[in-house]
Amino acid sequence: MFTNGIENHSWEYLAEGNSSIVFSCCEIRWVLRLNKFSSDEGSHMNRSPQFSPSQGQLYTEKILKPLFDDNRYFIDAQVIELLDDFKDRLIKIAVSCPTRPEERKCKSLTAGNLAVLMPHLGFYENDTDLCKEGGTIDGSSYSIEIKPKWGFVPKLSPQHQSDCAASSLACRFCMHQELKLVEGKIKSHSLYCPLDLFSHCTCRLKRALHSLFQEPQNNLRVFHNGQLIYSGLFVKDGKSSLSTLCHDFNNILVPGKEKILDVNSLVNILSSILVADSWQKSLSLVQETKRCKAKTSPSCRLNESEVIDDSQCTPLALNGVLQKLLKVQQISDSSMDEIDSIYQKVIKTTNQEEILNNLGDFSSSSWETFTTKMKFDEQILKKDLVEATTEELIFELQKFLVAATFRDCSIMITFKEATTREEKPQRMIKDLSTGCNYAYKIKLIDLDPKSSSKIEYYKKLNDKILGNFIQKINKDIKIQA
């Protein structure tokens, strides 16, 4: 992989999370991801130890890849050490960047010298397989980053279920939307529901994608040739809207081509890609999904007045990124209350320091045992916490921590117009509305390891989300009565 002289090129601030910051260089088409640290008092980052980039790479190679069992969705990356001057220059770029989110600007920023260097997914690089099939790739690269969140209805403790049975019908994302609205973090509900995205129904998949474009928040970002052109935080000329996005797409198109790449086209392309992806290497029969009417749909955002036209619904198969991601999101079937109880019991054991150190060491025998058990689909029977052995408790914590990674990762779909002499090559779809063929690639990003020390924070947040949602449901019931 190219590493020499990267500091001699022009780098830009790309994105930022609670524990990492990302820079991109479109000139050489690489991305750098650094661990960041905050010295602000009370910062959430101070409450949990940071995993180094090397530990993160080990976590991906030793645990995530074997569990996901499909390496085509993972990025080839390597850990490098940055010179102090180059690192300081990157920090200055971030601090002075006008598009950096406001809530990030109020915090001091430092970063480690180790960084992860990886290909820039904003570009569709040459595809040797496609070229062998007689294909050519031309024009602009488009990338859509989707942070799907939990694709299932979480298990609740008996206490929460008895508080309000209706809460068990809602997904985590939609419940969290209610809390964000109350706290003033968002101005309106997103119509997006992860249960639609992860369903086997193309109609619901398209609705999820449309909802993400209508209200992206921090769950969708659009790139053109590596440059961010649309997101919930992206503002151009004082506004961020779908009309602005469509206008930009029309200006980006090569003059003389009679086509318009608007939001409907984007949704068609993305849904076609995800459907095609689900059928690759798959001969599995799929469950009937055409009856996705409001009364039979499990989506927590549906009501009886909403009806989907499913006459042209194409079912998704079982072998795509969405289906595999949903499966690993659900490897832990414990409620947050159960996980917290397990964690509290573990940290009270005599060898708790050794246990917690092993949970943070992805080369430990404990994690080797975990991957072996998961590989052979060995499920330890869950017992009463009083009767469970320490090894069983640790296994439950490991399942939760890995599931938490997949519940918080993002999907990056990159596509580019292509032509081929073959009838239907791999990784290519046709947009029927424009007649254009698009070659595509799908990758998973933001696969950060989660620290066991964050379990108490997760528990408090979970209680806050559920408490607010139950209060709202009960209030709505009283109003209706």
Protein backbone atom coordinates (compact mmCIF):
# COMPACT_ATOMS: atom_id res chain seq x y z
CA MET A 1 0.00 0.00 0.00
CA PHE A 2 1.21 3.54 -0.81
CA THR A 3 2.60 5.29 2.31
CA ASN A 4 5.66 7.31 1.32
CA GLY A 5 5.30 11.07 1.18
CA ILE A 6 1.62 11.28 2.16
CA GLU A 7 2.41 14.38 4.23
CA ASN A 8 3.44 16.20 1.04
CA HIS A 9 -0.11 16.22 -0.31
CA SER A 10 -3.15 18.32 0.47
CA TRP A 11 -5.46 16.83 3.12
CA GLU A 12 -8.98 17.82 4.13
CA TYR A 13 -11.18 17.26 7.17
CA LEU A 14 -13.76 14.60 6.26
CA ALA A 15 -15.64 13.38 9.33
CA GLU A 16 -15.51 12.96 13.08
CA GLY A 17 -16.94 10.75 15.79
CA ASN A 18 -16.66 10.59 19.56
CA SER A 19 -13.34 8.78 19.45
CA SER A 20 -11.87 9.26 15.98
CA ILE A 21 -11.34 11.87 13.29
CA VAL A 22 -10.95 11.26 9.55
CA PHE A 23 -9.04 13.17 6.86
CA SER A 24 -9.06 12.60 3.12
CA CYS A 25 -6.80 13.34 0.18
CA CYS A 26 -8.65 13.19 -3.14
CA GLU A 27 -5.40 13.74 -5.03
CA ILE A 28 -3.94 10.35 -4.04
CA ARG A 29 -7.34 8.86 -3.02
CA TRP A 30 -6.47 7.83 0.50
CA VAL A 31 -8.07 8.37 3.89
CA LEU A 32 -6.43 8.71 7.31
CA ARG A 33 -8.27 7.81 10.50
CA LEU A 34 -6.80 8.99 13.82
CA ASN A 35 -7.79 8.34 17.41
CA LYS A 36 -8.65 11.62 19.07
CA PHE A 37 -8.53 12.66 22.71
CA SER A 38 -10.33 15.41 24.56
CA SER A 39 -9.17 17.20 27.68
CA ASP A 40 -12.59 18.70 28.36
CA GLU A 41 -13.88 18.00 31.85
CA GLY A 42 -16.78 15.57 31.82
CA SER A 43 -16.12 14.46 28.27
CA HIS A 44 -17.54 11.01 27.50
CA MET A 45 -14.25 10.19 25.78
CA ASN A 46 -12.41 10.39 29.10
CA ARG A 47 -14.61 7.74 30.67
CA SER A 48 -13.57 4.92 28.37
CA PRO A 49 -10.05 3.81 27.40
CA GLN A 50 -9.10 4.25 23.79
CA PHE A 51 -8.25 1.29 21.60
CA SER A 52 -5.19 2.00 19.49
CA PRO A 53 -5.41 1.72 15.68
CA SER A 54 -3.32 -1.46 15.96
CA GLN A 55 -5.82 -2.95 18.40
CA GLY A 56 -8.66 -1.94 16.10
CA GLN A 57 -7.02 -3.70 13.16
CA LEU A 58 -6.43 -6.82 15.25
CA TYR A 59 -10.09 -6.74 16.35
CA THR A 60 -11.23 -6.63 12.73
CA GLU A 61 -8.91 -9.39 11.53
CA LYS A 62 -9.25 -11.83 14.45
CA ILE A 63 -12.89 -11.37 15.45
CA LEU A 64 -15.09 -9.39 13.05
CA LYS A 65 -14.01 -11.00 9.77
CA PRO A 66 -14.36 -14.62 10.98
CA LEU A 67 -17.73 -13.81 12.52
CA PHE A 68 -19.09 -11.96 9.46
CA ASP A 69 -17.72 -14.72 7.21
CA ASP A 70 -17.49 -12.57 4.09
CA ASN A 71 -14.32 -10.54 3.54
CA ARG A 72 -15.62 -8.74 0.44
CA TYR A 73 -17.24 -6.11 2.68
CA PHE A 74 -14.07 -5.23 4.60
CA ILE A 75 -11.48 -2.61 3.66
CA ASP A 76 -7.79 -3.32 3.11
CA ALA A 77 -6.05 -0.98 5.55
CA GLN A 78 -2.79 -0.63 7.42
CA VAL A 79 -1.59 1.18 10.53
CA ILE A 80 1.10 3.81 10.03
CA GLU A 81 2.90 6.28 12.29
CA LEU A 82 2.58 9.98 11.50
CA LEU A 83 5.32 12.55 11.93
CA ASP A 84 4.55 15.09 14.68
CA ASP A 85 4.53 18.01 12.26
CA PHE A 86 2.10 16.24 9.91
CA LYS A 87 -0.22 15.24 12.76
CA ASP A 88 -0.25 18.80 14.12
CA ARG A 89 -1.03 20.08 10.64
CA LEU A 90 -4.03 17.74 10.39
CA ILE A 91 -5.32 18.94 13.77
CA LYS A 92 -5.09 22.57 12.61
CA ILE A 93 -6.99 21.65 9.44
CA ALA A 94 -9.80 20.16 11.55
CA VAL A 95 -9.97 23.03 14.03
CA SER A 96 -10.17 25.65 11.26
CA CYS A 97 -12.60 23.69 9.05
CA PRO A 98 -15.87 25.67 8.63
CA THR A 99 -17.91 22.51 7.99
CA ARG A 100 -16.86 20.85 11.24
CA PRO A 101 -19.98 20.28 13.40
CA GLU A 102 -20.62 23.02 15.95
CA GLU A 103 -20.79 20.61 18.87
CA ARG A 104 -17.26 19.44 18.06
CA LYS A 105 -15.78 22.94 17.87
CA CYS A 106 -16.28 23.64 21.57
CA LYS A 107 -13.95 20.80 22.59
CA SER A 108 -10.18 20.84 22.60
CA LEU A 109 -8.63 18.34 20.21
CA THR A 110 -5.50 16.21 20.27
CA ALA A 111 -4.69 12.96 18.49
CA GLY A 112 -2.26 10.07 18.61
CA ASN A 113 0.51 9.54 16.09
CA LEU A 114 -0.76 6.16 14.91
CA ALA A 115 -3.31 6.28 12.12
CA VAL A 116 -5.15 3.87 9.85
CA LEU A 117 -4.45 4.44 6.16
CA MET A 118 -7.08 3.10 3.77
CA PRO A 119 -8.39 3.64 0.23
CA HIS A 120 -10.79 6.55 -0.25
CA LEU A 121 -14.20 4.92 -0.71
CA GLY A 122 -15.47 8.09 -2.34
CA PHE A 123 -13.88 6.83 -5.55
CA TYR A 124 -14.65 3.72 -7.57
CA GLU A 125 -11.21 2.38 -8.43
CA ASN A 126 -10.43 0.24 -11.48
CA ASP A 127 -12.18 -3.10 -11.31
CA THR A 128 -9.96 -5.82 -12.76
CA ASP A 129 -12.77 -8.40 -12.71
CA LEU A 130 -15.05 -6.12 -14.69
CA CYS A 131 -12.29 -5.36 -17.20
CA LYS A 132 -11.77 -9.08 -17.75
CA GLU A 133 -15.46 -9.30 -18.66
CA GLY A 134 -14.97 -6.69 -21.36
CA GLY A 135 -16.21 -3.76 -19.29
CA THR A 136 -15.11 -0.14 -19.05
CA ILE A 137 -15.78 2.37 -16.28
CA ASP A 138 -16.14 6.06 -16.97
CA GLY A 139 -17.49 9.24 -15.46
CA SER A 140 -18.09 10.30 -11.88
CA SER A 141 -17.93 8.24 -8.72
CA TYR A 142 -20.81 8.51 -6.27
CA SER A 143 -20.71 7.21 -2.72
CA ILE A 144 -23.56 6.91 -0.27
CA GLU A 145 -22.74 6.34 3.40
CA ILE A 146 -25.60 4.88 5.42
CA LYS A 147 -25.53 4.42 9.18
CA PRO A 148 -28.42 1.94 9.45
CA LYS A 149 -28.49 1.44 13.27
CA TRP A 150 -30.34 -1.49 14.89
CA GLY A 151 -32.33 -3.53 12.38
CA PHE A 152 -34.52 -5.30 14.94
CA VAL A 153 -36.80 -4.67 17.89
CA PRO A 154 -34.65 -4.97 21.04
CA LYS A 155 -35.46 -7.29 23.89
CA LEU A 156 -36.79 -5.48 26.93
CA SER A 157 -36.58 -6.43 30.57
CA PRO A 158 -39.82 -7.73 32.21
CA GLN A 159 -40.02 -4.43 34.12
CA HIS A 160 -40.07 -2.32 30.97
CA GLN A 161 -42.45 -4.71 29.23
CA SER A 162 -44.92 -4.40 32.11
CA ASP A 163 -44.56 -0.60 32.11
CA CYS A 164 -45.83 -0.39 28.57
CA ALA A 165 -46.40 -3.35 26.27
CA ALA A 166 -46.46 -1.03 23.26
CA SER A 167 -42.78 -0.19 23.73
CA SER A 168 -41.81 -3.71 22.69
CA LEU A 169 -43.21 -2.95 19.23
CA ALA A 170 -40.81 -0.07 18.60
CA CYS A 171 -37.25 -0.24 17.36
CA ARG A 172 -34.35 1.41 19.16
CA PHE A 173 -33.86 4.11 16.50
CA CYS A 174 -37.47 5.30 16.58
CA MET A 175 -37.52 5.36 20.39
CA HIS A 176 -34.26 7.33 20.42
CA GLN A 177 -35.79 9.84 17.99
CA GLU A 178 -38.39 10.70 20.63
CA LEU A 179 -35.68 11.42 23.20
CA LYS A 180 -33.61 13.51 20.77
CA LEU A 181 -36.71 15.57 19.99
CA VAL A 182 -37.36 16.25 23.68
CA GLU A 183 -33.72 17.17 24.26
CA GLY A 184 -33.71 19.54 21.29
CA LYS A 185 -31.03 17.61 19.39
CA ILE A 186 -33.31 17.33 16.35
CA LYS A 187 -36.09 19.60 15.11
CA SER A 188 -38.35 16.88 13.69
CA HIS A 189 -38.73 13.11 13.57
CA SER A 190 -36.99 11.19 10.84
CA LEU A 191 -39.40 9.00 8.90
CA TYR A 192 -36.58 6.51 8.45
CA CYS A 193 -36.98 3.20 10.25
CA PRO A 194 -34.21 0.57 10.22
CA LEU A 195 -36.82 -2.20 10.15
CA ASP A 196 -37.76 -1.05 6.65
CA LEU A 197 -34.16 -1.02 5.45
CA PHE A 198 -33.46 -4.52 6.80
CA SER A 199 -36.72 -6.05 5.59
CA HIS A 200 -36.75 -8.45 2.64
CA CYS A 201 -39.19 -6.17 0.84
CA THR A 202 -37.90 -3.82 -1.86
CA CYS A 203 -40.82 -1.45 -1.35
CA ARG A 204 -39.97 -0.93 2.30
CA LEU A 205 -36.28 -0.70 1.40
CA LYS A 206 -37.04 2.16 -1.01
CA ARG A 207 -39.16 3.91 1.59
CA ALA A 208 -36.27 3.72 4.04
CA LEU A 209 -33.89 5.22 1.47
CA HIS A 210 -36.33 8.00 0.55
CA SER A 211 -36.75 8.82 4.25
CA LEU A 212 -32.98 9.03 4.71
CA PHE A 213 -32.72 11.53 1.85
CA GLN A 214 -35.62 13.57 3.20
CA GLU A 215 -34.15 13.78 6.70
CA PRO A 216 -30.54 12.51 6.70
CA GLN A 217 -29.57 13.67 10.21
CA ASN A 218 -26.29 11.79 10.81
CA ASN A 219 -27.50 8.61 9.10
CA LEU A 220 -26.76 9.45 5.48
CA ARG A 221 -24.03 11.28 3.55
CA VAL A 222 -23.57 11.65 -0.21
CA PHE A 223 -20.20 12.09 -1.91
CA HIS A 224 -19.26 12.98 -5.47
CA ASN A 225 -15.69 12.08 -6.43
CA GLY A 226 -14.73 12.04 -2.78
CA GLN A 227 -16.31 15.40 -1.92
CA LEU A 228 -19.22 15.62 0.51
CA ILE A 229 -22.21 17.17 -1.24
CA TYR A 230 -25.13 16.25 1.04
CA SER A 231 -25.80 15.28 4.66
CA GLY A 232 -27.80 16.39 7.66
CA LEU A 233 -24.93 18.62 8.74
CA PHE A 234 -23.85 19.83 5.31
CA VAL A 235 -24.92 23.38 4.54
CA LYS A 236 -24.41 25.08 1.19
CA ASP A 237 -25.42 28.70 0.55
CA GLY A 238 -27.16 28.71 3.91
CA LYS A 239 -29.32 25.66 3.31
CA SER A 240 -29.23 21.90 3.11
CA SER A 241 -32.12 20.40 1.16
CA LEU A 242 -33.07 17.86 -1.43
CA SER A 243 -33.57 20.61 -4.00
CA THR A 244 -29.97 21.69 -3.46
CA LEU A 245 -28.80 18.11 -3.86
CA CYS A 246 -30.73 17.64 -7.12
CA HIS A 247 -29.39 20.95 -8.45
CA ASP A 248 -25.84 19.86 -7.68
CA PHE A 249 -26.36 16.50 -9.38
CA ASN A 250 -27.59 18.19 -12.56
CA ASN A 251 -24.56 20.48 -12.58
CA ILE A 252 -22.20 17.55 -12.00
CA LEU A 253 -23.45 15.55 -14.98
CA VAL A 254 -21.30 15.48 -18.10
CA PRO A 255 -22.80 17.97 -20.61
CA GLY A 256 -24.54 16.38 -23.55
CA LYS A 257 -25.82 13.30 -21.72
CA GLU A 258 -29.60 13.07 -21.74
CA LYS A 259 -30.20 11.88 -18.20
CA ILE A 260 -30.97 13.32 -14.81
CA LEU A 261 -29.58 11.74 -11.68
CA ASP A 262 -32.08 12.94 -9.08
CA VAL A 263 -33.10 11.50 -5.73
CA ASN A 264 -35.56 9.05 -7.26
CA SER A 265 -32.80 7.76 -9.53
CA LEU A 266 -30.46 7.47 -6.56
CA VAL A 267 -33.03 5.47 -4.61
CA ASN A 268 -33.60 3.19 -7.61
CA ILE A 269 -29.87 2.67 -8.07
CA LEU A 270 -29.24 2.00 -4.38
CA SER A 271 -32.18 -0.39 -4.01
CA SER A 272 -31.14 -2.24 -7.17
CA ILE A 273 -27.61 -2.55 -5.82
CA LEU A 274 -28.79 -3.91 -2.47
CA VAL A 275 -31.17 -6.38 -4.14
CA ALA A 276 -28.43 -7.59 -6.52
CA ASP A 277 -25.98 -7.83 -3.64
CA SER A 278 -28.37 -9.98 -1.63
CA TRP A 279 -28.62 -12.54 -4.44
CA GLN A 280 -24.90 -12.90 -5.13
CA LYS A 281 -23.64 -16.36 -4.20
CA SER A 282 -27.13 -17.17 -2.93
CA LEU A 283 -29.53 -19.90 -3.96
CA SER A 284 -31.57 -19.60 -0.78
CA LEU A 285 -35.32 -19.35 -1.01
CA VAL A 286 -36.66 -16.20 0.58
CA GLN A 287 -39.70 -15.68 2.70
CA GLU A 288 -42.74 -14.17 0.97
CA THR A 289 -42.43 -10.40 1.41
CA LYS A 290 -44.93 -8.87 -1.01
CA ARG A 291 -47.61 -8.48 1.63
CA CYS A 292 -45.97 -5.46 3.23
CA LYS A 293 -49.22 -3.69 4.12
CA ALA A 294 -49.48 -1.62 7.26
CA LYS A 295 -51.36 -4.20 9.32
CA THR A 296 -48.87 -6.98 8.65
CA SER A 297 -45.66 -4.99 8.60
CA PRO A 298 -43.48 -5.11 11.73
CA SER A 299 -42.21 -1.58 11.10
CA CYS A 300 -42.67 0.52 14.21
CA ARG A 301 -43.27 3.69 12.20
CA LEU A 302 -46.25 2.30 10.30
CA ASN A 303 -49.88 2.93 11.09
CA GLU A 304 -53.07 1.69 9.51
CA SER A 305 -53.37 4.71 7.20
CA GLU A 306 -50.08 3.89 5.47
CA VAL A 307 -50.23 1.45 2.58
CA ILE A 308 -47.31 0.51 0.35
CA ASP A 309 -47.81 -0.26 -3.32
CA ASP A 310 -46.09 -3.64 -3.39
CA SER A 311 -47.28 -4.78 -6.83
CA GLN A 312 -43.74 -4.49 -8.20
CA CYS A 313 -41.96 -5.65 -5.06
CA THR A 314 -38.75 -7.61 -5.71
CA PRO A 315 -37.68 -9.65 -2.68
CA LEU A 316 -34.17 -9.53 -1.31
CA ALA A 317 -32.30 -12.79 -0.81
CA LEU A 318 -30.31 -13.82 2.26
CA ASN A 319 -26.71 -13.30 1.23
CA GLY A 320 -26.17 -9.54 1.05
CA VAL A 321 -24.61 -7.00 3.35
CA LEU A 322 -27.93 -6.07 4.98
CA GLN A 323 -28.84 -9.66 5.77
CA LYS A 324 -25.38 -10.53 7.11
CA LEU A 325 -25.22 -7.33 9.13
CA LEU A 326 -28.60 -7.98 10.74
CA LYS A 327 -27.49 -11.48 11.69
CA VAL A 328 -24.37 -10.31 13.55
CA GLN A 329 -26.29 -7.44 15.17
CA GLN A 330 -28.45 -10.08 16.83
CA ILE A 331 -25.76 -12.42 18.17
CA SER A 332 -26.51 -10.96 21.59
CA ASP A 333 -30.13 -11.52 22.58
CA SER A 334 -29.78 -10.17 26.13
CA SER A 335 -31.57 -7.04 27.27
CA MET A 336 -29.53 -4.05 28.42
CA ASP A 337 -30.58 -4.76 32.00
CA GLU A 338 -29.24 -8.31 31.71
CA ILE A 339 -25.94 -7.13 30.23
CA ASP A 340 -25.49 -4.56 32.98
CA SER A 341 -26.23 -7.20 35.64
CA ILE A 342 -23.64 -9.51 34.07
CA TYR A 343 -21.08 -6.70 33.95
CA GLN A 344 -21.71 -5.72 37.58
CA LYS A 345 -21.22 -9.32 38.64
CA VAL A 346 -17.98 -9.66 36.64
CA ILE A 347 -16.37 -6.52 38.08
CA LYS A 348 -17.05 -7.82 41.59
CA THR A 349 -15.10 -11.03 41.06
CA THR A 350 -11.67 -11.43 42.62
CA ASN A 351 -9.90 -11.53 39.25
CA GLN A 352 -11.95 -8.73 37.66
CA GLU A 353 -8.84 -6.80 36.58
CA GLU A 354 -7.55 -9.80 34.61
CA ILE A 355 -10.97 -10.36 33.02
CA LEU A 356 -11.34 -6.73 31.92
CA ASN A 357 -7.79 -6.68 30.56
CA ASN A 358 -8.53 -9.81 28.51
CA LEU A 359 -11.71 -8.20 27.15
CA GLY A 360 -9.51 -5.38 25.85
CA ASP A 361 -6.85 -7.71 24.45
CA PHE A 362 -8.09 -9.19 21.18
CA SER A 363 -5.20 -11.63 21.01
CA SER A 364 -6.12 -13.19 24.38
CA SER A 365 -7.18 -16.80 24.76
CA SER A 366 -10.57 -15.55 25.91
CA TRP A 367 -11.27 -14.00 22.50
CA GLU A 368 -9.85 -17.04 20.71
CA THR A 369 -12.35 -19.16 22.61
CA PHE A 370 -15.12 -16.74 21.66
CA THR A 371 -14.40 -16.90 17.91
CA THR A 372 -14.17 -20.70 18.05
CA LYS A 373 -17.54 -21.00 19.76
CA MET A 374 -19.19 -18.56 17.36
CA LYS A 375 -17.64 -20.29 14.34
CA PHE A 376 -19.22 -23.57 15.29
CA ASP A 377 -22.41 -21.81 16.33
CA GLU A 378 -21.99 -23.04 19.87
CA GLN A 379 -24.52 -21.34 22.11
CA ILE A 380 -24.01 -21.49 25.85
CA LEU A 381 -27.35 -22.03 27.50
CA LYS A 382 -28.21 -18.93 29.48
CA LYS A 383 -28.84 -19.63 33.13
CA ASP A 384 -29.89 -17.61 36.11
CA LEU A 385 -27.09 -15.14 36.84
CA VAL A 386 -26.53 -16.74 40.22
CA GLU A 387 -25.78 -20.10 38.60
CA ALA A 388 -23.80 -18.92 35.58
CA THR A 389 -20.05 -19.53 35.54
CA THR A 390 -17.58 -16.70 35.01
CA GLU A 391 -16.78 -18.06 31.54
CA GLU A 392 -20.45 -17.97 30.59
CA LEU A 393 -20.78 -14.40 31.82
CA ILE A 394 -17.72 -13.31 29.83
CA PHE A 395 -19.09 -14.99 26.69
CA GLU A 396 -22.33 -13.00 27.03
CA LEU A 397 -20.37 -9.75 27.43
CA GLN A 398 -18.26 -10.56 24.36
CA LYS A 399 -21.34 -11.21 22.26
CA PHE A 400 -22.81 -7.89 23.36
CA LEU A 401 -19.64 -5.89 22.65
CA VAL A 402 -19.23 -7.35 19.15
CA ALA A 403 -22.93 -6.83 18.40
CA ALA A 404 -22.56 -3.22 19.56
CA THR A 405 -19.86 -2.68 16.93
CA PHE A 406 -22.12 -3.90 14.13
CA ARG A 407 -25.09 -1.94 15.50
CA ASP A 408 -23.11 1.28 15.18
CA CYS A 409 -21.17 0.77 11.92
CA SER A 410 -21.86 2.30 8.50
CA ILE A 411 -22.35 0.90 5.00
CA MET A 412 -20.54 2.65 2.14
CA ILE A 413 -21.94 2.05 -1.35
CA THR A 414 -19.77 3.38 -4.17
CA PHE A 415 -20.90 3.23 -7.80
CA LYS A 416 -19.87 4.53 -11.19
CA GLU A 417 -21.33 4.39 -14.67
CA ALA A 418 -19.97 1.44 -16.66
CA THR A 419 -20.39 -0.44 -19.91
CA THR A 420 -19.77 -4.10 -20.61
CA ARG A 421 -20.10 -6.60 -23.43
CA GLU A 422 -21.39 -9.21 -21.01
CA GLU A 423 -25.12 -9.70 -20.45
CA LYS A 424 -24.98 -9.42 -16.66
CA PRO A 425 -21.53 -9.21 -15.04
CA GLN A 426 -21.01 -9.40 -11.31
CA ARG A 427 -21.43 -6.20 -9.29
CA MET A 428 -23.30 -4.27 -11.98
CA ILE A 429 -26.89 -3.08 -12.13
CA LYS A 430 -28.99 -1.16 -14.65
CA ASP A 431 -31.02 1.91 -13.75
CA LEU A 432 -34.18 1.41 -15.82
CA SER A 433 -35.17 5.07 -15.53
CA THR A 434 -32.00 6.27 -17.30
CA GLY A 435 -30.84 3.11 -19.07
CA CYS A 436 -27.40 3.44 -17.51
CA ASN A 437 -25.32 0.60 -16.12
CA TYR A 438 -23.50 1.11 -12.83
CA ALA A 439 -20.65 -0.90 -11.37
CA TYR A 440 -20.72 -0.91 -7.57
CA LYS A 441 -18.84 -1.90 -4.45
CA ILE A 442 -20.07 -2.19 -0.87
CA LYS A 443 -17.91 -1.84 2.23
CA LEU A 444 -18.41 -1.68 5.98
CA ILE A 445 -16.76 1.18 7.87
CA ASP A 446 -16.55 2.48 11.46
CA LEU A 447 -16.05 -0.99 12.89
CA ASP A 448 -14.68 0.27 16.18
CA PRO A 449 -14.22 -2.07 19.15
CA LYS A 450 -16.38 -1.22 22.15
CA SER A 451 -15.00 -1.08 25.67
CA SER A 452 -16.69 -2.98 28.49
CA SER A 453 -16.32 0.18 30.59
CA LYS A 454 -19.01 1.79 28.42
CA ILE A 455 -21.66 -0.72 29.51
CA GLU A 456 -22.74 1.47 32.43
CA TYR A 457 -23.10 4.41 30.02
CA TYR A 458 -25.12 2.24 27.62
CA LYS A 459 -27.39 1.23 30.51
CA LYS A 460 -28.05 4.84 31.53
CA LEU A 461 -28.78 5.87 27.94
CA ASN A 462 -31.05 2.87 27.43
CA ASP A 463 -33.03 3.73 30.59
CA LYS A 464 -33.34 7.32 29.41
CA ILE A 465 -34.58 6.30 25.96
CA LEU A 466 -37.09 3.78 27.31
CA GLY A 467 -38.27 6.04 30.11
CA ASN A 468 -38.99 8.89 27.73
CA PHE A 469 -40.72 6.62 25.20
CA ILE A 470 -42.90 4.92 27.81
CA GLN A 471 -43.87 8.31 29.22
CA LYS A 472 -44.88 9.49 25.74
CA ILE A 473 -46.89 6.34 25.01
CA ASN A 474 -48.75 6.60 28.31
CA LYS A 475 -49.43 10.29 27.66
CA ASP A 476 -50.82 9.51 24.21
CA ILE A 477 -53.06 6.81 25.71
CA LYS A 478 -54.50 9.28 28.20
CA ILE A 479 -55.15 11.84 25.46
CA GLN A 480 -56.95 9.24 23.32
CA ALA A 481 -59.04 8.16 26.31
